[in-house]
Each structure stands twice: as C-alpha cells, then as structure tokens.
Amino acid sequence: MPEKQLRETLQDLEQTLERQGSVDPAARERLGELVQEIRELLAREPGEREETEPSLVDRLSEAMEQFEESHPSLTEAVGRLAAALSNLGI
C-alpha cells in the first residue's frame, strides 16, 4: 500500500507542477530530475533500492524550501512526496 500511495503522490506532484506556470525554469528542471530519479527507483525491485546520498527526502526538502512562499500548493505536493518516500524507508 505505501508504494501505491507514493506513486499517486508522485503523479499529484507532476500534475501540480504542470499547473504552476510561473515556476523558475531551473527549479522546474530540478524537480523534474528528482521525479525521474524516484520513478527509476520505483522500477527496481524493493531489495535493489539503494538510498542515494544525499537522500531523496533531503533533496526534496531543499526543493520545497524554494517554493514555500511563492507556490504553496507545490510545496504541499513536494512535502507529501517526501513523507511517502520516508514511509517506504527510501
């Protein structure tokens, strides 16, 4: 169940990012790279999922700080994704 929730949260973040037209292109690219990295991680078998350094959760938290004031809905979506990753132990 947690992996399904992570996939749904990831999809929600992508949809929210698409709706946010005024996101800085560099920040948008950074989030896109993180999303791709998460997708690649999910494509692996659970036993083959290695934690990256710095962790995905840490990098998502850093990205979230960039959007706190300017894009609250994006901040919320990134926060949910970080929590879902953490719940899976990633």
PDB file of N, CA and C in Angstrom:
ATOM      1  N   MET A   1       0.809  -1.214   0.000  1.00  0.00           N
ATOM      2  CA  MET A   1       0.000   0.000   0.000  1.00  0.00           C
ATOM      3  C   MET A   1       0.848   1.273   0.000  1.00  0.00           C
ATOM      4  N   PRO A   2       1.921   1.366   0.801  1.00  0.00           N
ATOM      5  CA  PRO A   2       2.698   2.612   0.787  1.00  0.00           C
ATOM      6  C   PRO A   2       3.283   2.941  -0.586  1.00  0.00           C
ATOM      7  N   GLU A   3       3.693   1.918  -1.349  1.00  0.00           N
ATOM      8  CA  GLU A   3       4.253   2.192  -2.680  1.00  0.00           C
ATOM      9  C   GLU A   3       3.183   2.752  -3.610  1.00  0.00           C
ATOM     10  N   LYS A   4       1.976   2.228  -3.511  1.00  0.00           N
ATOM     11  CA  LYS A   4       0.870   2.747  -4.317  1.00  0.00           C
ATOM     12  C   LYS A   4       0.621   4.219  -3.965  1.00  0.00           C
ATOM     13  N   GLN A   5       0.655   4.512  -2.684  1.00  0.00           N
ATOM     14  CA  GLN A   5       0.470   5.898  -2.232  1.00  0.00           C
ATOM     15  C   GLN A   5       1.584   6.788  -2.772  1.00  0.00           C
ATOM     16  N   LEU A   6       2.815   6.277  -2.778  1.00  0.00           N
ATOM     17  CA  LEU A   6       3.943   7.044  -3.307  1.00  0.00           C
ATOM     18  C   LEU A   6       3.742   7.336  -4.783  1.00  0.00           C
ATOM     19  N   ARG A   7       3.313   6.349  -5.543  1.00  0.00           N
ATOM     20  CA  ARG A   7       3.074   6.554  -6.978  1.00  0.00           C
ATOM     21  C   ARG A   7       1.974   7.596  -7.211  1.00  0.00           C
ATOM     22  N   GLU A   8       0.913   7.530  -6.417  1.00  0.00           N
ATOM     23  CA  GLU A   8      -0.175   8.505  -6.548  1.00  0.00           C
ATOM     24  C   GLU A   8       0.306   9.908  -6.166  1.00  0.00           C
ATOM     25  N   THR A   9       1.110   9.993  -5.135  1.00  0.00           N
ATOM     26  CA  THR A   9       1.635  11.284  -4.694  1.00  0.00           C
ATOM     27  C   THR A   9       2.585  11.854  -5.731  1.00  0.00           C
ATOM     28  N   LEU A  10       3.370  10.994  -6.346  1.00  0.00           N
ATOM     29  CA  LEU A  10       4.281  11.419  -7.403  1.00  0.00           C
ATOM     30  C   LEU A  10       3.501  11.972  -8.592  1.00  0.00           C
ATOM     31  N   GLN A  11       2.439  11.297  -8.952  1.00  0.00           N
ATOM     32  CA  GLN A  11       1.592  11.765 -10.045  1.00  0.00           C
ATOM     33  C   GLN A  11       0.943  13.105  -9.688  1.00  0.00           C
ATOM     34  N   ASP A  12       0.521  13.264  -8.451  1.00  0.00           N
ATOM     35  CA  ASP A  12      -0.069  14.517  -7.991  1.00  0.00           C
ATOM     36  C   ASP A  12       0.936  15.665  -8.098  1.00  0.00           C
ATOM     37  N   LEU A  13       2.183  15.396  -7.710  1.00  0.00           N
ATOM     38  CA  LEU A  13       3.222  16.425  -7.818  1.00  0.00           C
ATOM     39  C   LEU A  13       3.426  16.827  -9.270  1.00  0.00           C
ATOM     40  N   GLU A  14       3.477  15.855 -10.163  1.00  0.00           N
ATOM     41  CA  GLU A  14       3.672  16.169 -11.579  1.00  0.00           C
ATOM     42  C   GLU A  14       2.525  17.024 -12.118  1.00  0.00           C
ATOM     43  N   GLN A  15       1.302  16.702 -11.733  1.00  0.00           N
ATOM     44  CA  GLN A  15       0.147  17.478 -12.176  1.00  0.00           C
ATOM     45  C   GLN A  15       0.181  18.888 -11.601  1.00  0.00           C
ATOM     46  N   THR A  16       0.552  19.004 -10.343  1.00  0.00           N
ATOM     47  CA  THR A  16       0.650  20.324  -9.708  1.00  0.00           C
ATOM     48  C   THR A  16       1.729  21.150 -10.382  1.00  0.00           C
ATOM     49  N   LEU A  17       2.846  20.540 -10.692  1.00  0.00           N
ATOM     50  CA  LEU A  17       3.940  21.243 -11.360  1.00  0.00           C
ATOM     51  C   LEU A  17       3.515  21.729 -12.741  1.00  0.00           C
ATOM     52  N   GLU A  18       2.743  20.938 -13.449  1.00  0.00           N
ATOM     53  CA  GLU A  18       2.247  21.338 -14.772  1.00  0.00           C
ATOM     54  C   GLU A  18       1.330  22.553 -14.676  1.00  0.00           C
ATOM     55  N   ARG A  19       0.537  22.616 -13.592  1.00  0.00           N
ATOM     56  CA  ARG A  19      -0.410  23.728 -13.432  1.00  0.00           C
ATOM     57  C   ARG A  19       0.278  25.024 -13.015  1.00  0.00           C
ATOM     58  N   GLN A  20       1.476  24.930 -12.446  1.00  0.00           N
ATOM     59  CA  GLN A  20       2.204  26.104 -11.965  1.00  0.00           C
ATOM     60  C   GLN A  20       3.013  26.695 -13.115  1.00  0.00           C
ATOM     61  N   GLY A  21       2.491  27.716 -13.741  1.00  0.00           N
ATOM     62  CA  GLY A  21       3.174  28.298 -14.892  1.00  0.00           C
ATOM     63  C   GLY A  21       4.348  29.186 -14.537  1.00  0.00           C
ATOM     64  N   SER A  22       4.396  29.724 -13.341  1.00  0.00           N
ATOM     65  CA  SER A  22       5.413  30.710 -13.004  1.00  0.00           C
ATOM     66  C   SER A  22       6.596  30.142 -12.227  1.00  0.00           C
ATOM     67  N   VAL A  23       6.785  28.833 -12.274  1.00  0.00           N
ATOM     68  CA  VAL A  23       7.907  28.217 -11.563  1.00  0.00           C
ATOM     69  C   VAL A  23       9.196  28.496 -12.333  1.00  0.00           C
ATOM     70  N   ASP A  24      10.218  28.893 -11.605  1.00  0.00           N
ATOM     71  CA  ASP A  24      11.526  29.146 -12.181  1.00  0.00           C
ATOM     72  C   ASP A  24      11.964  27.935 -12.999  1.00  0.00           C
ATOM     73  N   PRO A  25      12.437  28.138 -14.239  1.00  0.00           N
ATOM     74  CA  PRO A  25      12.829  27.001 -15.083  1.00  0.00           C
ATOM     75  C   PRO A  25      13.881  26.091 -14.445  1.00  0.00           C
ATOM     76  N   ALA A  26      14.835  26.644 -13.739  1.00  0.00           N
ATOM     77  CA  ALA A  26      15.859  25.816 -13.092  1.00  0.00           C
ATOM     78  C   ALA A  26      15.246  24.958 -11.986  1.00  0.00           C
ATOM     79  N   ALA A  27      14.335  25.540 -11.222  1.00  0.00           N
ATOM     80  CA  ALA A  27      13.665  24.792 -10.156  1.00  0.00           C
ATOM     81  C   ALA A  27      12.765  23.713 -10.753  1.00  0.00           C
ATOM     82  N   ARG A  28      12.089  24.042 -11.842  1.00  0.00           N
ATOM     83  CA  ARG A  28      11.230  23.071 -12.518  1.00  0.00           C
ATOM     84  C   ARG A  28      12.069  21.885 -13.013  1.00  0.00           C
ATOM     85  N   GLU A  29      13.235  22.189 -13.569  1.00  0.00           N
ATOM     86  CA  GLU A  29      14.116  21.133 -14.065  1.00  0.00           C
ATOM     87  C   GLU A  29      14.615  20.263 -12.909  1.00  0.00           C
ATOM     88  N   ARG A  30      14.974  20.908 -11.815  1.00  0.00           N
ATOM     89  CA  ARG A  30      15.453  20.170 -10.638  1.00  0.00           C
ATOM     90  C   ARG A  30      14.381  19.215 -10.121  1.00  0.00           C
ATOM     91  N   LEU A  31      13.160  19.702 -10.007  1.00  0.00           N
ATOM     92  CA  LEU A  31      12.070  18.828  -9.562  1.00  0.00           C
ATOM     93  C   LEU A  31      11.832  17.711 -10.563  1.00  0.00           C
ATOM     94  N   GLY A  32      11.909  18.027 -11.842  1.00  0.00           N
ATOM     95  CA  GLY A  32      11.744  17.011 -12.875  1.00  0.00           C
ATOM     96  C   GLY A  32      12.785  15.916 -12.756  1.00  0.00           C
ATOM     97  N   GLU A  33      14.018  16.288 -12.460  1.00  0.00           N
ATOM     98  CA  GLU A  33      15.084  15.305 -12.272  1.00  0.00           C
ATOM     99  C   GLU A  33      14.824  14.429 -11.056  1.00  0.00           C
ATOM    100  N   LEU A  34      14.344  15.042  -9.973  1.00  0.00           N
ATOM    101  CA  LEU A  34      14.022  14.268  -8.777  1.00  0.00           C
ATOM    102  C   LEU A  34      12.874  13.297  -9.040  1.00  0.00           C
ATOM    103  N   VAL A  35      11.872  13.749  -9.770  1.00  0.00           N
ATOM    104  CA  VAL A  35      10.739  12.893 -10.113  1.00  0.00           C
ATOM    105  C   VAL A  35      11.230  11.704 -10.936  1.00  0.00           C
ATOM    106  N   GLN A  36      12.100  11.966 -11.906  1.00  0.00           N
ATOM    107  CA  GLN A  36      12.629  10.892 -12.733  1.00  0.00           C
ATOM    108  C   GLN A  36      13.440   9.905 -11.900  1.00  0.00           C
ATOM    109  N   GLU A  37      14.233  10.417 -10.986  1.00  0.00           N
ATOM    110  CA  GLU A  37      15.025   9.550 -10.121  1.00  0.00           C
ATOM    111  C   GLU A  37      14.127   8.661  -9.262  1.00  0.00           C
ATOM    112  N   ILE A  38      13.030   9.219  -8.767  1.00  0.00           N
ATOM    113  CA  ILE A  38      12.087   8.442  -7.964  1.00  0.00           C
ATOM    114  C   ILE A  38      11.430   7.372  -8.828  1.00  0.00           C
ATOM    115  N   ARG A  39      11.050   7.719 -10.035  1.00  0.00           N
ATOM    116  CA  ARG A  39      10.434   6.740 -10.948  1.00  0.00           C
ATOM    117  C   ARG A  39      11.403   5.579 -11.225  1.00  0.00           C
ATOM    118  N   GLU A  40      12.672   5.909 -11.453  1.00  0.00           N
ATOM    119  CA  GLU A  40      13.674   4.871 -11.691  1.00  0.00           C
ATOM    120  C   GLU A  40      13.847   3.987 -10.455  1.00  0.00           C
ATOM    121  N   LEU A  41      13.818   4.585  -9.295  1.00  0.00           N
ATOM    122  CA  LEU A  41      13.937   3.844  -8.055  1.00  0.00           C
ATOM    123  C   LEU A  41      12.762   2.883  -7.881  1.00  0.00           C
ATOM    124  N   LEU A  42      11.563   3.354  -8.198  1.00  0.00           N
ATOM    125  CA  LEU A  42      10.369   2.524  -8.065  1.00  0.00           C
ATOM    126  C   LEU A  42      10.341   1.389  -9.072  1.00  0.00           C
ATOM    127  N   ALA A  43      11.042   1.540 -10.180  1.00  0.00           N
ATOM    128  CA  ALA A  43      11.078   0.492 -11.199  1.00  0.00           C
ATOM    129  C   ALA A  43      11.926  -0.701 -10.747  1.00  0.00           C
ATOM    130  N   ARG A  44      12.776  -0.499  -9.757  1.00  0.00           N
ATOM    131  CA  ARG A  44      13.616  -1.576  -9.238  1.00  0.00           C
ATOM    132  C   ARG A  44      12.821  -2.437  -8.248  1.00  0.00           C
ATOM    133  N   GLU A  45      13.314  -3.625  -8.029  1.00  0.00           N
ATOM    134  CA  GLU A  45      12.737  -4.492  -7.017  1.00  0.00           C
ATOM    135  C   GLU A  45      13.015  -3.886  -5.642  1.00  0.00           C
ATOM    136  N   PRO A  46      12.118  -4.062  -4.669  1.00  0.00           N
ATOM    137  CA  PRO A  46      12.325  -3.450  -3.352  1.00  0.00           C
ATOM    138  C   PRO A  46      13.689  -3.746  -2.728  1.00  0.00           C
ATOM    139  N   GLY A  47      14.222  -4.932  -2.889  1.00  0.00           N
ATOM    140  CA  GLY A  47      15.516  -5.260  -2.313  1.00  0.00           C
ATOM    141  C   GLY A  47      16.687  -4.606  -3.023  1.00  0.00           C
ATOM    142  N   GLU A  48      16.445  -4.078  -4.211  1.00  0.00           N
ATOM    143  CA  GLU A  48      17.500  -3.455  -5.013  1.00  0.00           C
ATOM    144  C   GLU A  48      17.497  -1.937  -4.901  1.00  0.00           C
ATOM    145  N   ARG A  49      16.638  -1.409  -4.088  1.00  0.00           N
ATOM    146  CA  ARG A  49      16.534   0.047  -3.942  1.00  0.00           C
ATOM    147  C   ARG A  49      17.563   0.530  -2.941  1.00  0.00           C
ATOM    148  N   GLU A  50      18.558   1.197  -3.460  1.00  0.00           N
ATOM    149  CA  GLU A  50      19.589   1.740  -2.588  1.00  0.00           C
ATOM    150  C   GLU A  50      19.276   3.197  -2.301  1.00  0.00           C
ATOM    151  N   GLU A  51      19.588   3.616  -1.106  1.00  0.00           N
ATOM    152  CA  GLU A  51      19.403   5.018  -0.748  1.00  0.00           C
ATOM    153  C   GLU A  51      20.515   5.828  -1.404  1.00  0.00           C
ATOM    154  N   THR A  52      20.154   6.962  -1.915  1.00  0.00           N
ATOM    155  CA  THR A  52      21.127   7.834  -2.573  1.00  0.00           C
ATOM    156  C   THR A  52      21.658   8.843  -1.570  1.00  0.00           C
ATOM    157  N   GLU A  53      22.796   9.394  -1.860  1.00  0.00           N
ATOM    158  CA  GLU A  53      23.395  10.428  -0.993  1.00  0.00           C
ATOM    159  C   GLU A  53      23.547  11.702  -1.786  1.00  0.00           C
ATOM    160  N   PRO A  54      23.117  12.829  -1.363  1.00  0.00           N
ATOM    161  CA  PRO A  54      22.203  12.973  -0.240  1.00  0.00           C
ATOM    162  C   PRO A  54      20.862  12.321  -0.569  1.00  0.00           C
ATOM    163  N   SER A  55      20.127  12.006   0.456  1.00  0.00           N
ATOM    164  CA  SER A  55      18.887  11.256   0.260  1.00  0.00           C
ATOM    165  C   SER A  55      17.874  12.050  -0.557  1.00  0.00           C
ATOM    166  N   LEU A  56      16.989  11.314  -1.184  1.00  0.00           N
ATOM    167  CA  LEU A  56      15.920  11.945  -1.950  1.00  0.00           C
ATOM    168  C   LEU A  56      15.067  12.836  -1.062  1.00  0.00           C
ATOM    169  N   VAL A  57      14.792  12.375   0.146  1.00  0.00           N
ATOM    170  CA  VAL A  57      13.970  13.163   1.066  1.00  0.00           C
ATOM    171  C   VAL A  57      14.650  14.497   1.363  1.00  0.00           C
ATOM    172  N   ASP A  58      15.971  14.458   1.601  1.00  0.00           N
ATOM    173  CA  ASP A  58      16.702  15.702   1.869  1.00  0.00           C
ATOM    174  C   ASP A  58      16.636  16.645   0.671  1.00  0.00           C
ATOM    175  N   ARG A  59      16.829  16.084  -0.510  1.00  0.00           N
ATOM    176  CA  ARG A  59      16.806  16.932  -1.711  1.00  0.00           C
ATOM    177  C   ARG A  59      15.411  17.468  -1.995  1.00  0.00           C
ATOM    178  N   LEU A  60      14.387  16.686  -1.716  1.00  0.00           N
ATOM    179  CA  LEU A  60      13.024  17.184  -1.873  1.00  0.00           C
ATOM    180  C   LEU A  60      12.734  18.288  -0.860  1.00  0.00           C
ATOM    181  N   SER A  61      13.236  18.124   0.342  1.00  0.00           N
ATOM    182  CA  SER A  61      13.043  19.160   1.366  1.00  0.00           C
ATOM    183  C   SER A  61      13.710  20.470   0.945  1.00  0.00           C
ATOM    184  N   GLU A  62      14.889  20.375   0.372  1.00  0.00           N
ATOM    185  CA  GLU A  62      15.570  21.573  -0.119  1.00  0.00           C
ATOM    186  C   GLU A  62      14.763  22.228  -1.227  1.00  0.00           C
ATOM    187  N   ALA A  63      14.237  21.419  -2.135  1.00  0.00           N
ATOM    188  CA  ALA A  63      13.428  21.960  -3.227  1.00  0.00           C
ATOM    189  C   ALA A  63      12.163  22.609  -2.679  1.00  0.00           C
ATOM    190  N   MET A  64      11.595  22.002  -1.660  1.00  0.00           N
ATOM    191  CA  MET A  64      10.361  22.519  -1.063  1.00  0.00           C
ATOM    192  C   MET A  64      10.573  23.921  -0.492  1.00  0.00           C
ATOM    193  N   GLU A  65      11.740  24.152   0.084  1.00  0.00           N
ATOM    194  CA  GLU A  65      12.046  25.466   0.657  1.00  0.00           C
ATOM    195  C   GLU A  65      11.991  26.572  -0.393  1.00  0.00           C
ATOM    196  N   GLN A  66      12.320  26.241  -1.634  1.00  0.00           N
ATOM    197  CA  GLN A  66      12.301  27.229  -2.706  1.00  0.00           C
ATOM    198  C   GLN A  66      10.884  27.702  -3.025  1.00  0.00           C
ATOM    199  N   PHE A  67       9.901  26.870  -2.761  1.00  0.00           N
ATOM    200  CA  PHE A  67       8.520  27.172  -3.170  1.00  0.00           C
ATOM    201  C   PHE A  67       7.612  27.586  -2.030  1.00  0.00           C
ATOM    202  N   GLU A  68       8.121  27.619  -0.803  1.00  0.00           N
ATOM    203  CA  GLU A  68       7.255  27.831   0.360  1.00  0.00           C
ATOM    204  C   GLU A  68       6.357  29.056   0.228  1.00  0.00           C
ATOM    205  N   GLU A  69       6.906  30.166  -0.166  1.00  0.00           N
ATOM    206  CA  GLU A  69       6.108  31.386  -0.225  1.00  0.00           C
ATOM    207  C   GLU A  69       5.428  31.584  -1.574  1.00  0.00           C
ATOM    208  N   SER A  70       6.123  31.256  -2.651  1.00  0.00           N
ATOM    209  CA  SER A  70       5.600  31.565  -3.972  1.00  0.00           C
ATOM    210  C   SER A  70       4.612  30.538  -4.515  1.00  0.00           C
ATOM    211  N   HIS A  71       4.735  29.279  -4.113  1.00  0.00           N
ATOM    212  CA  HIS A  71       3.878  28.218  -4.655  1.00  0.00           C
ATOM    213  C   HIS A  71       3.464  27.249  -3.546  1.00  0.00           C
ATOM    214  N   PRO A  72       2.526  27.664  -2.693  1.00  0.00           N
ATOM    215  CA  PRO A  72       2.145  26.807  -1.565  1.00  0.00           C
ATOM    216  C   PRO A  72       1.600  25.447  -1.976  1.00  0.00           C
ATOM    217  N   SER A  73       0.869  25.357  -3.076  1.00  0.00           N
ATOM    218  CA  SER A  73       0.333  24.052  -3.478  1.00  0.00           C
ATOM    219  C   SER A  73       1.452  23.125  -3.932  1.00  0.00           C
ATOM    220  N   LEU A  74       2.468  23.667  -4.560  1.00  0.00           N
ATOM    221  CA  LEU A  74       3.619  22.874  -4.972  1.00  0.00           C
ATOM    222  C   LEU A  74       4.416  22.430  -3.746  1.00  0.00           C
ATOM    223  N   THR A  75       4.550  23.314  -2.775  1.00  0.00           N
ATOM    224  CA  THR A  75       5.238  22.984  -1.531  1.00  0.00           C
ATOM    225  C   THR A  75       4.534  21.821  -0.838  1.00  0.00           C
ATOM    226  N   GLU A  76       3.229  21.863  -0.804  1.00  0.00           N
ATOM    227  CA  GLU A  76       2.447  20.810  -0.167  1.00  0.00           C
ATOM    228  C   GLU A  76       2.639  19.479  -0.893  1.00  0.00           C
ATOM    229  N   ALA A  77       2.610  19.503  -2.224  1.00  0.00           N
ATOM    230  CA  ALA A  77       2.777  18.278  -3.008  1.00  0.00           C
ATOM    231  C   ALA A  77       4.172  17.674  -2.804  1.00  0.00           C
ATOM    232  N   VAL A  78       5.195  18.510  -2.775  1.00  0.00           N
ATOM    233  CA  VAL A  78       6.563  18.028  -2.553  1.00  0.00           C
ATOM    234  C   VAL A  78       6.680  17.457  -1.138  1.00  0.00           C
ATOM    235  N   GLY A  79       6.064  18.101  -0.169  1.00  0.00           N
ATOM    236  CA  GLY A  79       6.092  17.607   1.209  1.00  0.00           C
ATOM    237  C   GLY A  79       5.435  16.244   1.345  1.00  0.00           C
ATOM    238  N   ARG A  80       4.310  16.044   0.665  1.00  0.00           N
ATOM    239  CA  ARG A  80       3.638  14.741   0.699  1.00  0.00           C
ATOM    240  C   ARG A  80       4.511  13.663   0.065  1.00  0.00           C
ATOM    241  N   LEU A  81       5.210  14.030  -1.012  1.00  0.00           N
ATOM    242  CA  LEU A  81       6.081  13.078  -1.674  1.00  0.00           C
ATOM    243  C   LEU A  81       7.257  12.699  -0.768  1.00  0.00           C
ATOM    244  N   ALA A  82       7.840  13.664  -0.112  1.00  0.00           N
ATOM    245  CA  ALA A  82       8.942  13.391   0.814  1.00  0.00           C
ATOM    246  C   ALA A  82       8.471  12.479   1.958  1.00  0.00           C
ATOM    247  N   ALA A  83       7.286  12.723   2.468  1.00  0.00           N
ATOM    248  CA  ALA A  83       6.746  11.888   3.539  1.00  0.00           C
ATOM    249  C   ALA A  83       6.494  10.470   3.052  1.00  0.00           C
ATOM    250  N   ALA A  84       5.974  10.325   1.847  1.00  0.00           N
ATOM    251  CA  ALA A  84       5.713   8.985   1.289  1.00  0.00           C
ATOM    252  C   ALA A  84       7.018   8.220   1.099  1.00  0.00           C
ATOM    253  N   LEU A  85       8.063   8.898   0.620  1.00  0.00           N
ATOM    254  CA  LEU A  85       9.369   8.258   0.471  1.00  0.00           C
ATOM    255  C   LEU A  85       9.901   7.810   1.819  1.00  0.00           C
ATOM    256  N   SER A  86       9.767   8.669   2.790  1.00  0.00           N
ATOM    257  CA  SER A  86      10.257   8.370   4.128  1.00  0.00           C
ATOM    258  C   SER A  86       9.508   7.158   4.706  1.00  0.00           C
ATOM    259  N   ASN A  87       8.209   7.070   4.463  1.00  0.00           N
ATOM    260  CA  ASN A  87       7.413   5.946   4.957  1.00  0.00           C
ATOM    261  C   ASN A  87       7.857   4.622   4.342  1.00  0.00           C
ATOM    262  N   LEU A  88       8.420   4.683   3.130  1.00  0.00           N
ATOM    263  CA  LEU A  88       8.931   3.469   2.486  1.00  0.00           C
ATOM    264  C   LEU A  88      10.369   3.179   2.882  1.00  0.00           C
ATOM    265  N   GLY A  89      10.954   4.069   3.635  1.00  0.00           N
ATOM    266  CA  GLY A  89      12.329   3.868   4.051  1.00  0.00           C
ATOM    267  C   GLY A  89      13.347   4.228   2.994  1.00  0.00           C
ATOM    268  N   ILE A  90      12.942   5.066   2.059  1.00  0.00           N
ATOM    269  CA  ILE A  90      13.825   5.485   0.962  1.00  0.00           C
ATOM    270  C   ILE A  90      14.444   6.826   1.293  1.00  0.00           C
TER     271      ILE A  90
END
